[in-house]
Amino acid sequence: MGNTFPKYYDFFMGPLEKGKFQSIRKELLQKANGVVLEVGSGTGINFPYYESVIKVTAIEPNQHMIKRSSKRREMSVVPIEVIEESAERLPFADNTFDTVVATLVLCTIPNPELAVQEMKRVCKYKGKILLFEHVRMKNLFLATLQDWLTPLWKKVCDGCCLNRNTVQMIQANGLEILNKRTFYNGLFIELELKK
């Protein structure tokens, strides 16, 4: 994992983050409670939105992203620990976290199904999993365009796959969808899940 993508991530995502994404993140993370695990914390874009939680443990496999998240971590009103780790092998015991959060990250994880299984494993029985992701669209033309663009997009955007069927993968792994919202004609989804 190089430094180029982390260096420009906030710049290119800025227009979306200052618009609709900011309100989506705020609203989603207000549902977080207790001890939180954030999977793929990137540049720490979610850190300012954690308010009524005990603490956040964030994992991120890219050391450059971790460095870029340090200012946001220091400004957070709750304790945040960032660990350089992979989502497919979470170093935590079963049923550790009250809330597990993943935002715009399942697209880049090499084995997202294994990551979902790990998120489910470390989430407490009555806990929740909160996701905000981009997904394969239902419109056949747009989905085909996503398929066509994905090989190049993966190279430019640090492994990001435009065409993952995240909802189907989640349901196949035994997670129940409590709430679902879609944005931008189904390109982005917000999910509240339970075991």
Protein backbone atom coordinates (compact mmCIF):
# COMPACT_ATOMS: atom_id res chain seq x y z
CA MET A 1 0.00 0.00 0.00
CA GLY A 2 1.55 3.20 -1.16
CA ASN A 3 1.36 6.81 -0.05
CA THR A 4 -0.23 8.30 -3.20
CA PHE A 5 -3.85 7.28 -2.55
CA PRO A 6 -3.83 8.33 1.15
CA LYS A 7 -2.19 11.64 0.20
CA TYR A 8 -5.00 12.68 -2.14
CA TYR A 9 -7.97 10.81 -0.63
CA ASP A 10 -9.36 13.73 1.41
CA PHE A 11 -8.87 16.17 -1.45
CA PHE A 12 -10.86 14.10 -3.97
CA MET A 13 -13.53 13.08 -1.47
CA GLY A 14 -13.87 16.63 -0.12
CA PRO A 15 -16.84 17.73 -2.26
CA LEU A 16 -18.85 14.63 -1.33
CA GLU A 17 -17.84 14.82 2.33
CA LYS A 18 -18.79 18.49 2.64
CA GLY A 19 -22.15 17.72 1.06
CA LYS A 20 -24.40 14.73 1.61
CA PHE A 21 -21.79 12.37 3.08
CA GLN A 22 -21.32 14.56 6.15
CA SER A 23 -24.99 14.31 7.12
CA ILE A 24 -25.06 10.56 6.34
CA ARG A 25 -22.04 9.91 8.54
CA LYS A 26 -23.35 12.07 11.41
CA GLU A 27 -26.74 10.39 11.39
CA LEU A 28 -25.27 6.88 11.11
CA LEU A 29 -22.71 7.35 13.88
CA GLN A 30 -25.30 8.76 16.28
CA LYS A 31 -26.55 5.14 16.41
CA ALA A 32 -23.16 3.94 17.70
CA ASN A 33 -22.92 3.22 21.41
CA GLY A 34 -20.68 1.61 24.01
CA VAL A 35 -17.31 0.24 22.92
CA VAL A 36 -16.88 0.70 19.16
CA LEU A 37 -14.75 -0.97 16.51
CA GLU A 38 -14.24 0.97 13.30
CA VAL A 39 -13.01 -1.16 10.40
CA GLY A 40 -10.84 0.66 7.86
CA SER A 41 -10.69 4.08 9.50
CA GLY A 42 -8.67 5.62 6.66
CA THR A 43 -7.89 9.29 7.25
CA GLY A 44 -10.18 9.39 10.31
CA ILE A 45 -13.09 11.09 8.58
CA ASN A 46 -15.54 9.51 11.07
CA PHE A 47 -13.60 10.45 14.21
CA PRO A 48 -15.31 13.85 14.79
CA TYR A 49 -18.76 12.23 14.64
CA TYR A 50 -18.32 9.88 17.60
CA GLU A 51 -19.92 11.62 20.57
CA SER A 52 -21.84 9.31 22.92
CA VAL A 53 -19.61 6.24 22.91
CA ILE A 54 -17.19 4.95 25.55
CA LYS A 55 -14.21 4.53 23.23
CA VAL A 56 -13.31 3.65 19.64
CA THR A 57 -10.77 1.10 18.50
CA ALA A 58 -10.04 1.70 14.83
CA ILE A 59 -8.18 -0.65 12.54
CA GLU A 60 -6.49 0.44 9.33
CA PRO A 61 -4.01 -1.61 7.25
CA ASN A 62 -2.33 1.38 5.58
CA GLN A 63 0.28 3.14 7.73
CA HIS A 64 0.06 6.26 5.54
CA MET A 65 -3.69 6.52 6.21
CA ILE A 66 -3.05 6.12 9.95
CA LYS A 67 -0.57 9.01 9.88
CA ARG A 68 -3.06 11.20 8.04
CA SER A 69 -5.74 10.42 10.65
CA SER A 70 -3.69 11.61 13.64
CA LYS A 71 -5.04 15.20 13.72
CA ARG A 72 -8.64 14.04 13.63
CA ARG A 73 -7.92 11.48 16.34
CA GLU A 74 -6.38 14.12 18.59
CA MET A 75 -9.40 16.41 18.11
CA SER A 76 -11.94 13.71 18.95
CA VAL A 77 -14.09 14.10 22.08
CA VAL A 78 -13.86 10.34 22.78
CA PRO A 79 -10.74 8.15 23.19
CA ILE A 80 -9.67 6.63 19.86
CA GLU A 81 -6.96 4.03 19.42
CA VAL A 82 -5.79 3.21 15.89
CA ILE A 83 -4.18 -0.16 15.19
CA GLU A 84 -2.46 -1.20 11.96
CA GLU A 85 -4.39 -4.37 11.20
CA SER A 86 -6.35 -6.22 8.53
CA ALA A 87 -10.16 -6.59 8.60
CA GLU A 88 -9.90 -10.25 7.62
CA ARG A 89 -8.02 -11.18 10.84
CA LEU A 90 -9.32 -9.02 13.67
CA PRO A 91 -7.14 -9.41 16.79
CA PHE A 92 -10.08 -9.34 19.21
CA ALA A 93 -12.05 -11.94 21.15
CA ASP A 94 -15.57 -12.95 20.16
CA ASN A 95 -18.37 -10.62 21.33
CA THR A 96 -16.05 -7.72 22.24
CA PHE A 97 -17.77 -4.66 20.73
CA ASP A 98 -21.17 -3.05 21.23
CA THR A 99 -20.99 -1.41 17.79
CA VAL A 100 -18.96 -2.20 14.68
CA VAL A 101 -18.67 0.53 12.03
CA ALA A 102 -17.44 0.32 8.43
CA THR A 103 -17.82 3.23 6.00
CA LEU A 104 -16.69 3.13 2.38
CA VAL A 105 -14.28 0.30 3.14
CA LEU A 106 -15.79 -3.04 2.07
CA CYS A 107 -15.04 -2.05 -1.52
CA THR A 108 -11.27 -2.14 -0.88
CA ILE A 109 -10.89 -5.17 1.39
CA PRO A 110 -9.38 -8.06 -0.62
CA ASN A 111 -11.69 -10.64 1.02
CA PRO A 112 -14.82 -8.71 2.08
CA GLU A 113 -16.76 -11.85 2.98
CA LEU A 114 -14.13 -12.86 5.52
CA ALA A 115 -14.13 -9.30 6.87
CA VAL A 116 -17.92 -9.41 7.34
CA GLN A 117 -17.59 -12.74 9.16
CA GLU A 118 -14.96 -11.20 11.44
CA MET A 119 -17.11 -8.13 12.10
CA LYS A 120 -19.99 -10.43 13.02
CA ARG A 121 -17.72 -12.51 15.29
CA VAL A 122 -16.40 -9.58 17.35
CA CYS A 123 -19.80 -7.83 17.64
CA LYS A 124 -21.74 -8.61 20.82
CA TYR A 125 -24.91 -10.66 20.53
CA LYS A 126 -27.18 -7.64 21.06
CA GLY A 127 -24.75 -5.26 19.37
CA LYS A 128 -25.09 -3.58 16.00
CA ILE A 129 -23.10 -3.23 12.80
CA LEU A 130 -23.36 0.11 10.98
CA LEU A 131 -22.32 0.36 7.33
CA PHE A 132 -22.17 3.07 4.69
CA GLU A 133 -20.91 1.68 1.38
CA HIS A 134 -21.07 2.08 -2.37
CA VAL A 135 -22.43 -0.97 -4.19
CA ARG A 136 -23.23 -2.51 -7.53
CA MET A 137 -26.24 -0.66 -8.93
CA LYS A 138 -29.50 -2.35 -9.94
CA ASN A 139 -29.71 -0.47 -13.24
CA LEU A 140 -28.23 -2.91 -15.78
CA PHE A 141 -26.48 -0.24 -17.86
CA LEU A 142 -24.88 1.40 -14.82
CA ALA A 143 -23.94 -1.97 -13.29
CA THR A 144 -22.27 -2.97 -16.57
CA LEU A 145 -20.41 0.35 -16.57
CA GLN A 146 -19.23 -0.39 -13.00
CA ASP A 147 -18.00 -3.82 -14.14
CA TRP A 148 -16.13 -2.26 -17.05
CA LEU A 149 -14.52 0.49 -14.93
CA THR A 150 -13.56 -1.65 -11.92
CA PRO A 151 -10.20 -3.09 -13.18
CA LEU A 152 -8.78 0.38 -13.86
CA TRP A 153 -10.45 1.92 -10.80
CA LYS A 154 -8.85 -0.74 -8.56
CA LYS A 155 -5.39 0.25 -9.78
CA VAL A 156 -5.96 3.98 -9.29
CA CYS A 157 -7.91 3.82 -6.01
CA ASP A 158 -5.94 1.38 -3.86
CA GLY A 159 -8.00 -1.73 -4.67
CA CYS A 160 -11.48 -0.17 -4.62
CA CYS A 161 -14.07 -2.32 -6.43
CA LEU A 162 -17.03 -0.37 -7.81
CA ASN A 163 -19.25 -3.41 -8.35
CA ARG A 164 -19.52 -5.39 -5.13
CA ASN A 165 -22.94 -6.76 -4.20
CA THR A 166 -22.60 -5.91 -0.53
CA VAL A 167 -26.22 -6.49 0.52
CA GLN A 168 -26.26 -10.01 -0.92
CA MET A 169 -22.93 -10.80 0.78
CA ILE A 170 -24.21 -9.54 4.13
CA GLN A 171 -27.39 -11.59 3.92
CA ALA A 172 -25.43 -14.69 2.87
CA ASN A 173 -23.42 -14.36 6.08
CA GLY A 174 -26.46 -14.41 8.35
CA LEU A 175 -26.74 -10.75 9.29
CA GLU A 176 -30.21 -9.25 9.64
CA ILE A 177 -30.89 -5.86 8.06
CA LEU A 178 -32.76 -3.68 10.55
CA ASN A 179 -32.68 -0.47 8.52
CA LYS A 180 -31.58 0.33 4.97
CA ARG A 181 -31.36 3.66 3.15
CA THR A 182 -30.12 4.28 -0.38
CA PHE A 183 -28.60 7.39 -1.91
CA TYR A 184 -27.67 8.57 -5.41
CA ASN A 185 -30.03 6.15 -7.20
CA GLY A 186 -28.80 3.15 -5.23
CA LEU A 187 -25.05 3.73 -5.68
CA PHE A 188 -24.61 4.21 -1.92
CA ILE A 189 -26.34 2.36 0.91
CA GLU A 190 -26.54 2.79 4.65
CA LEU A 191 -27.28 -0.33 6.67
CA GLU A 192 -27.98 -1.05 10.32
CA LEU A 193 -27.43 -4.77 10.98
CA LYS A 194 -27.63 -7.26 13.82
CA LYS A 195 -26.41 -10.82 14.28
